[in-house]
């Protein structure tokens, strides 16, 4: 049977990416040589290498083990507080910057009214980062865009689908998305978009492929918030989504991309959600139904 203490030490080493930094965070006195020795014993017992030392990198076996350990060891501090009855609860919410900026403040204000002693942690994260935070036990609930499938091994709920659109100046000659695409493919109009690795442009590329066309971004931006200013400046058409109850910025017009895949927004988590997270998820589902 695996030694629980060895597993705990490995959790800290993996989380803080090295034995030396792990020793600074382990909540009891332990020296670096002792940690090294016990990690070696764990690897010998398992018959696998768990990480490479320099530069630090988890092996596939180490990643699998850490993903299993993180939810337990990562939640021990909260469990201790709950058992002592110190707090009404905590909620660690991870999500897209747009969600954290436009929707989370009002939702969390309502949640705090129902749970006055609630302690909140709000983290900006894309789907990949949010998934890592959930698996490591560093976030309770994630709200972000979702690809075709929910993350394996996690529970989730799709909340709404946002249609894709092109954003153009009101004064532009393009009145339909097809006209703008034709201009772009013909080299007469640049595309402003998130980087090609992001889900939104990948969905756009899938829709174009069905039409037998390609239109790569001429201006790649790191945030969806940057698209509108570049379009306003006349630098091209922007790839965006149509958000309920949020019209485009003044002077801009949205051209719906009919027949293109939509962008799915949802929530995911692992294990049993704490009561505040359950309430927030219910609020999100209600807003999605009303949208």
Protein backbone atom coordinates (compact mmCIF):
# COMPACT_ATOMS: atom_id res chain seq x y z
CA UNK A 1 0.00 0.00 0.00
CA UNK A 2 1.32 3.45 -0.91
CA UNK A 3 2.70 5.58 1.92
CA UNK A 4 0.34 8.54 2.43
CA UNK A 5 3.18 10.78 3.68
CA UNK A 6 5.20 10.08 0.54
CA UNK A 7 2.17 10.98 -1.58
CA UNK A 8 1.72 14.23 0.33
CA UNK A 9 5.35 15.21 -0.22
CA UNK A 10 5.05 14.45 -3.93
CA UNK A 11 1.91 16.63 -4.10
CA UNK A 12 3.86 19.63 -2.77
CA UNK A 13 6.83 18.94 -5.07
CA UNK A 14 4.57 18.72 -8.12
CA UNK A 15 2.47 21.75 -7.17
CA UNK A 16 5.50 23.99 -6.55
CA UNK A 17 7.64 22.47 -9.32
CA UNK A 18 10.64 21.31 -7.37
CA UNK A 19 11.85 19.94 -4.06
CA UNK A 20 13.43 23.19 -2.84
CA UNK A 21 10.33 25.37 -3.40
CA UNK A 22 8.15 22.57 -2.00
CA UNK A 23 10.07 22.68 1.29
CA UNK A 24 9.13 26.35 1.65
CA UNK A 25 5.42 25.52 1.43
CA UNK A 26 5.05 22.22 3.28
CA UNK A 27 3.16 23.23 6.46
CA UNK A 28 5.55 21.44 8.83
CA UNK A 29 9.30 21.24 9.20
CA UNK A 30 11.01 18.91 6.75
CA UNK A 31 14.43 19.15 5.18
CA UNK A 32 15.29 18.86 1.51
CA UNK A 33 17.34 15.63 1.85
CA UNK A 34 14.44 13.93 3.64
CA UNK A 35 12.00 14.95 0.90
CA UNK A 36 14.38 13.73 -1.81
CA UNK A 37 14.85 10.38 -0.09
CA UNK A 38 11.14 9.78 0.38
CA UNK A 39 10.29 10.77 -3.18
CA UNK A 40 12.90 8.28 -4.42
CA UNK A 41 11.27 5.59 -2.26
CA UNK A 42 7.89 6.43 -3.76
CA UNK A 43 9.28 6.14 -7.28
CA UNK A 44 10.92 2.81 -6.41
CA UNK A 45 7.68 1.50 -4.96
CA UNK A 46 5.73 2.55 -8.06
CA UNK A 47 8.45 1.47 -10.45
CA UNK A 48 8.24 4.71 -12.44
CA UNK A 49 9.92 8.11 -12.61
CA UNK A 50 7.53 10.88 -11.50
CA UNK A 51 9.38 13.99 -12.68
CA UNK A 52 12.53 15.26 -14.31
CA UNK A 53 14.64 17.36 -11.99
CA UNK A 54 16.29 20.01 -14.24
CA UNK A 55 14.32 21.65 -15.64
CA UNK A 56 11.41 20.44 -13.56
CA UNK A 57 8.76 18.57 -15.55
CA UNK A 58 6.25 15.93 -14.54
CA UNK A 59 6.37 12.68 -16.46
CA UNK A 60 3.07 11.25 -17.75
CA UNK A 61 2.97 9.00 -14.68
CA UNK A 62 3.69 11.97 -12.42
CA UNK A 63 0.93 14.03 -14.04
CA UNK A 64 -1.57 11.17 -13.57
CA UNK A 65 -0.63 10.78 -9.92
CA UNK A 66 -0.77 14.53 -9.26
CA UNK A 67 -4.18 14.86 -10.90
CA UNK A 68 -5.49 12.21 -8.50
CA UNK A 69 -3.86 13.69 -5.40
CA UNK A 70 -4.54 17.40 -5.96
CA UNK A 71 -8.29 17.46 -5.20
CA UNK A 72 -7.68 15.79 -1.82
CA UNK A 73 -4.58 17.58 -0.55
CA UNK A 74 -5.62 20.90 -2.15
CA UNK A 75 -8.86 21.01 -0.18
CA UNK A 76 -7.50 20.07 3.26
CA UNK A 77 -7.26 23.69 4.45
CA UNK A 78 -10.92 24.31 3.63
CA UNK A 79 -11.89 21.02 5.26
CA UNK A 80 -10.07 21.98 8.43
CA UNK A 81 -11.91 25.31 8.57
CA UNK A 82 -15.26 23.63 7.98
CA UNK A 83 -14.67 21.05 10.71
CA UNK A 84 -13.79 23.83 13.16
CA UNK A 85 -16.82 25.81 12.03
CA UNK A 86 -14.68 28.88 11.36
CA UNK A 87 -16.45 30.09 8.23
CA UNK A 88 -19.75 29.84 6.43
CA UNK A 89 -17.83 28.66 3.36
CA UNK A 90 -15.50 29.58 0.57
CA UNK A 91 -15.89 29.77 -3.17
CA UNK A 92 -13.04 29.81 -5.65
CA UNK A 93 -14.38 30.75 -9.07
CA UNK A 94 -12.33 30.48 -12.26
CA UNK A 95 -13.47 31.82 -15.61
CA UNK A 96 -12.99 33.90 -18.70
CA UNK A 97 -12.02 37.52 -18.18
CA UNK A 98 -15.24 38.58 -19.94
CA UNK A 99 -17.32 36.51 -17.50
CA UNK A 100 -15.38 37.76 -14.49
CA UNK A 101 -15.74 41.37 -15.66
CA UNK A 102 -19.26 41.55 -17.11
CA UNK A 103 -21.29 38.99 -15.19
CA UNK A 104 -19.52 37.76 -12.06
CA UNK A 105 -19.65 40.98 -9.96
CA UNK A 106 -23.47 41.20 -9.94
CA UNK A 107 -23.88 37.46 -9.47
CA UNK A 108 -21.38 37.35 -6.61
CA UNK A 109 -23.01 40.36 -4.96
CA UNK A 110 -26.28 38.44 -4.86
CA UNK A 111 -24.47 35.36 -3.60
CA UNK A 112 -22.82 37.35 -0.80
CA UNK A 113 -26.24 38.64 0.24
CA UNK A 114 -27.31 35.04 0.81
CA UNK A 115 -23.98 33.96 2.32
CA UNK A 116 -22.66 37.05 4.16
CA UNK A 117 -19.58 35.32 5.59
CA UNK A 118 -18.60 33.79 2.25
CA UNK A 119 -14.94 34.17 1.29
CA UNK A 120 -14.39 34.58 -2.44
CA UNK A 121 -11.44 33.98 -4.74
CA UNK A 122 -11.90 35.01 -8.40
CA UNK A 123 -9.43 33.72 -10.98
CA UNK A 124 -9.18 34.62 -14.67
CA UNK A 125 -8.58 31.49 -16.75
CA UNK A 126 -9.25 30.03 -20.18
CA UNK A 127 -10.66 26.50 -20.48
CA UNK A 128 -7.29 24.74 -20.28
CA UNK A 129 -6.10 26.71 -17.26
CA UNK A 130 -9.49 26.42 -15.54
CA UNK A 131 -9.44 22.66 -16.04
CA UNK A 132 -6.01 22.47 -14.40
CA UNK A 133 -7.19 24.58 -11.46
CA UNK A 134 -10.21 22.32 -10.95
CA UNK A 135 -8.19 19.11 -11.15
CA UNK A 136 -5.60 20.44 -8.72
CA UNK A 137 -8.25 21.41 -6.20
CA UNK A 138 -7.38 25.11 -6.54
CA UNK A 139 -10.83 26.15 -7.82
CA UNK A 140 -14.32 24.92 -6.99
CA UNK A 141 -16.20 25.97 -10.12
CA UNK A 142 -15.12 27.09 -13.59
CA UNK A 143 -17.18 29.07 -16.10
CA UNK A 144 -15.63 29.26 -19.54
CA UNK A 145 -16.03 28.37 -23.20
CA UNK A 146 -16.25 24.67 -23.92
CA UNK A 147 -15.11 22.68 -26.92
CA UNK A 148 -17.19 19.85 -28.39
CA UNK A 149 -16.91 17.71 -25.26
CA UNK A 150 -16.79 18.48 -21.57
CA UNK A 151 -13.38 17.79 -19.96
CA UNK A 152 -12.96 14.05 -19.26
CA UNK A 153 -13.49 13.04 -15.66
CA UNK A 154 -15.22 16.28 -14.69
CA UNK A 155 -18.87 17.08 -14.17
CA UNK A 156 -20.25 19.90 -16.24
CA UNK A 157 -23.24 21.80 -17.51
CA UNK A 158 -23.63 23.69 -20.78
CA UNK A 159 -25.23 27.05 -20.12
CA UNK A 160 -25.68 28.75 -23.49
CA UNK A 161 -24.46 28.92 -27.05
CA UNK A 162 -23.31 32.20 -28.57
CA UNK A 163 -23.61 32.68 -32.35
CA UNK A 164 -20.48 33.79 -34.20
CA UNK A 165 -20.43 37.12 -36.02
CA UNK A 166 -18.15 39.51 -37.85
CA UNK A 167 -17.76 43.01 -36.45
CA UNK A 168 -17.48 45.83 -39.01
CA UNK A 169 -17.79 49.64 -38.92
CA UNK A 170 -21.31 50.96 -39.47
CA UNK A 171 -20.05 52.95 -42.46
CA UNK A 172 -18.46 49.93 -44.14
CA UNK A 173 -19.89 48.62 -47.44
CA UNK A 174 -20.33 45.09 -46.08
CA UNK A 175 -23.91 44.37 -45.08
CA UNK A 176 -23.70 40.58 -44.72
CA UNK A 177 -21.13 38.18 -43.34
CA UNK A 178 -20.87 36.46 -46.75
CA UNK A 179 -19.93 39.75 -48.37
CA UNK A 180 -17.27 40.43 -45.76
CA UNK A 181 -15.89 36.89 -46.14
CA UNK A 182 -15.69 37.28 -49.90
CA UNK A 183 -13.76 40.54 -49.45
CA UNK A 184 -11.45 38.90 -46.92
CA UNK A 185 -10.74 35.82 -49.02
CA UNK A 186 -10.10 38.14 -51.97
CA UNK A 187 -7.51 40.07 -50.00
CA UNK A 188 -9.57 43.26 -49.72
CA UNK A 189 -10.35 43.00 -45.99
CA UNK A 190 -8.16 41.97 -43.06
CA UNK A 191 -9.40 39.78 -40.21
CA UNK A 192 -8.88 40.80 -36.57
CA UNK A 193 -9.15 37.80 -34.28
CA UNK A 194 -7.87 35.95 -31.27
CA UNK A 195 -4.89 33.68 -32.01
CA UNK A 196 -5.49 30.62 -34.16
CA UNK A 197 -5.08 28.30 -31.16
CA UNK A 198 -8.15 29.74 -29.40
CA UNK A 199 -11.54 28.08 -29.68
CA UNK A 200 -13.37 31.00 -31.36
CA UNK A 201 -11.11 31.21 -34.44
CA UNK A 202 -11.03 27.41 -34.65
CA UNK A 203 -14.83 27.36 -34.87
CA UNK A 204 -14.67 30.08 -37.52
CA UNK A 205 -12.12 28.07 -39.50
CA UNK A 206 -14.40 25.01 -39.37
CA UNK A 207 -17.25 27.04 -40.83
CA UNK A 208 -15.03 28.42 -43.57
CA UNK A 209 -13.72 24.95 -44.41
CA UNK A 210 -17.27 23.79 -45.14
CA UNK A 211 -17.47 26.64 -47.64
CA UNK A 212 -14.13 25.65 -49.13
CA UNK A 213 -12.52 28.90 -47.99
CA UNK A 214 -9.67 30.11 -45.79
CA UNK A 215 -9.27 33.52 -44.17
CA UNK A 216 -6.41 33.63 -41.64
CA UNK A 217 -6.17 36.53 -39.23
CA UNK A 218 -3.98 39.43 -40.34
CA UNK A 219 -4.09 40.89 -36.82
CA UNK A 220 -4.02 38.41 -33.94
CA UNK A 221 -4.93 39.85 -30.53
CA UNK A 222 -4.48 38.33 -27.09
CA UNK A 223 -7.86 39.42 -25.69
CA UNK A 224 -11.38 39.58 -27.10
CA UNK A 225 -11.58 43.11 -25.69
CA UNK A 226 -9.02 44.27 -28.24
CA UNK A 227 -11.05 43.31 -31.31
CA UNK A 228 -13.53 46.23 -31.27
CA UNK A 229 -10.91 49.04 -30.99
CA UNK A 230 -8.98 47.66 -33.97
CA UNK A 231 -12.16 47.39 -36.04
CA UNK A 232 -13.14 50.94 -35.04
CA UNK A 233 -9.74 52.11 -36.26
CA UNK A 234 -10.49 50.66 -39.69
CA UNK A 235 -7.97 47.83 -39.51
CA UNK A 236 -10.35 45.09 -40.61
CA UNK A 237 -13.35 42.98 -39.67
CA UNK A 238 -13.35 41.47 -36.20
CA UNK A 239 -14.32 37.93 -35.24
CA UNK A 240 -16.71 38.02 -32.28
CA UNK A 241 -19.82 36.42 -30.76
CA UNK A 242 -23.31 37.83 -30.35
CA UNK A 243 -23.88 38.25 -26.61
CA UNK A 244 -27.47 38.56 -25.35
CA UNK A 245 -28.40 42.01 -24.04
CA UNK A 246 -24.99 43.42 -25.01
CA UNK A 247 -25.08 45.38 -28.28
CA UNK A 248 -21.88 46.10 -30.22
CA UNK A 249 -19.90 49.22 -29.42
CA UNK A 250 -21.12 52.51 -30.90
CA UNK A 251 -20.24 52.85 -34.57
CA UNK A 252 -19.93 49.10 -35.14
CA UNK A 253 -22.29 46.52 -36.65
CA UNK A 254 -22.47 42.73 -36.10
CA UNK A 255 -22.89 40.49 -39.15
CA UNK A 256 -24.19 37.07 -37.99
CA UNK A 257 -22.28 34.09 -39.38
CA UNK A 258 -25.27 31.92 -40.28
CA UNK A 259 -24.53 28.20 -40.55
CA UNK A 260 -21.27 28.49 -38.59
CA UNK A 261 -20.67 26.58 -35.32
CA UNK A 262 -21.66 28.48 -32.18
CA UNK A 263 -19.46 29.11 -29.16
CA UNK A 264 -20.58 27.08 -26.16
CA UNK A 265 -20.28 28.49 -22.63
CA UNK A 266 -20.58 26.21 -19.64
CA UNK A 267 -19.48 25.34 -16.12
CA UNK A 268 -17.54 22.37 -14.85
CA UNK A 269 -16.32 21.04 -11.52
CA UNK A 270 -15.29 17.87 -9.71
CA UNK A 271 -16.84 16.15 -6.72
CA UNK A 272 -19.69 17.60 -4.70
CA UNK A 273 -20.07 21.36 -5.08
CA UNK A 274 -20.19 23.37 -1.82
CA UNK A 275 -23.57 25.10 -1.20
CA UNK A 276 -22.41 28.58 -2.39
CA UNK A 277 -21.16 27.07 -5.66
CA UNK A 278 -24.46 25.22 -6.08
CA UNK A 279 -26.34 28.50 -5.65
CA UNK A 280 -24.08 30.28 -8.15
CA UNK A 281 -24.51 27.50 -10.71
CA UNK A 282 -28.30 27.77 -10.32
CA UNK A 283 -28.06 31.55 -10.88
CA UNK A 284 -25.97 31.03 -14.01
CA UNK A 285 -28.44 28.47 -15.38
CA UNK A 286 -31.35 30.85 -14.73
CA UNK A 287 -29.64 33.73 -16.55
CA UNK A 288 -28.81 31.43 -19.47
CA UNK A 289 -32.49 30.40 -19.74
CA UNK A 290 -33.57 34.04 -19.75
CA UNK A 291 -31.03 35.04 -22.42
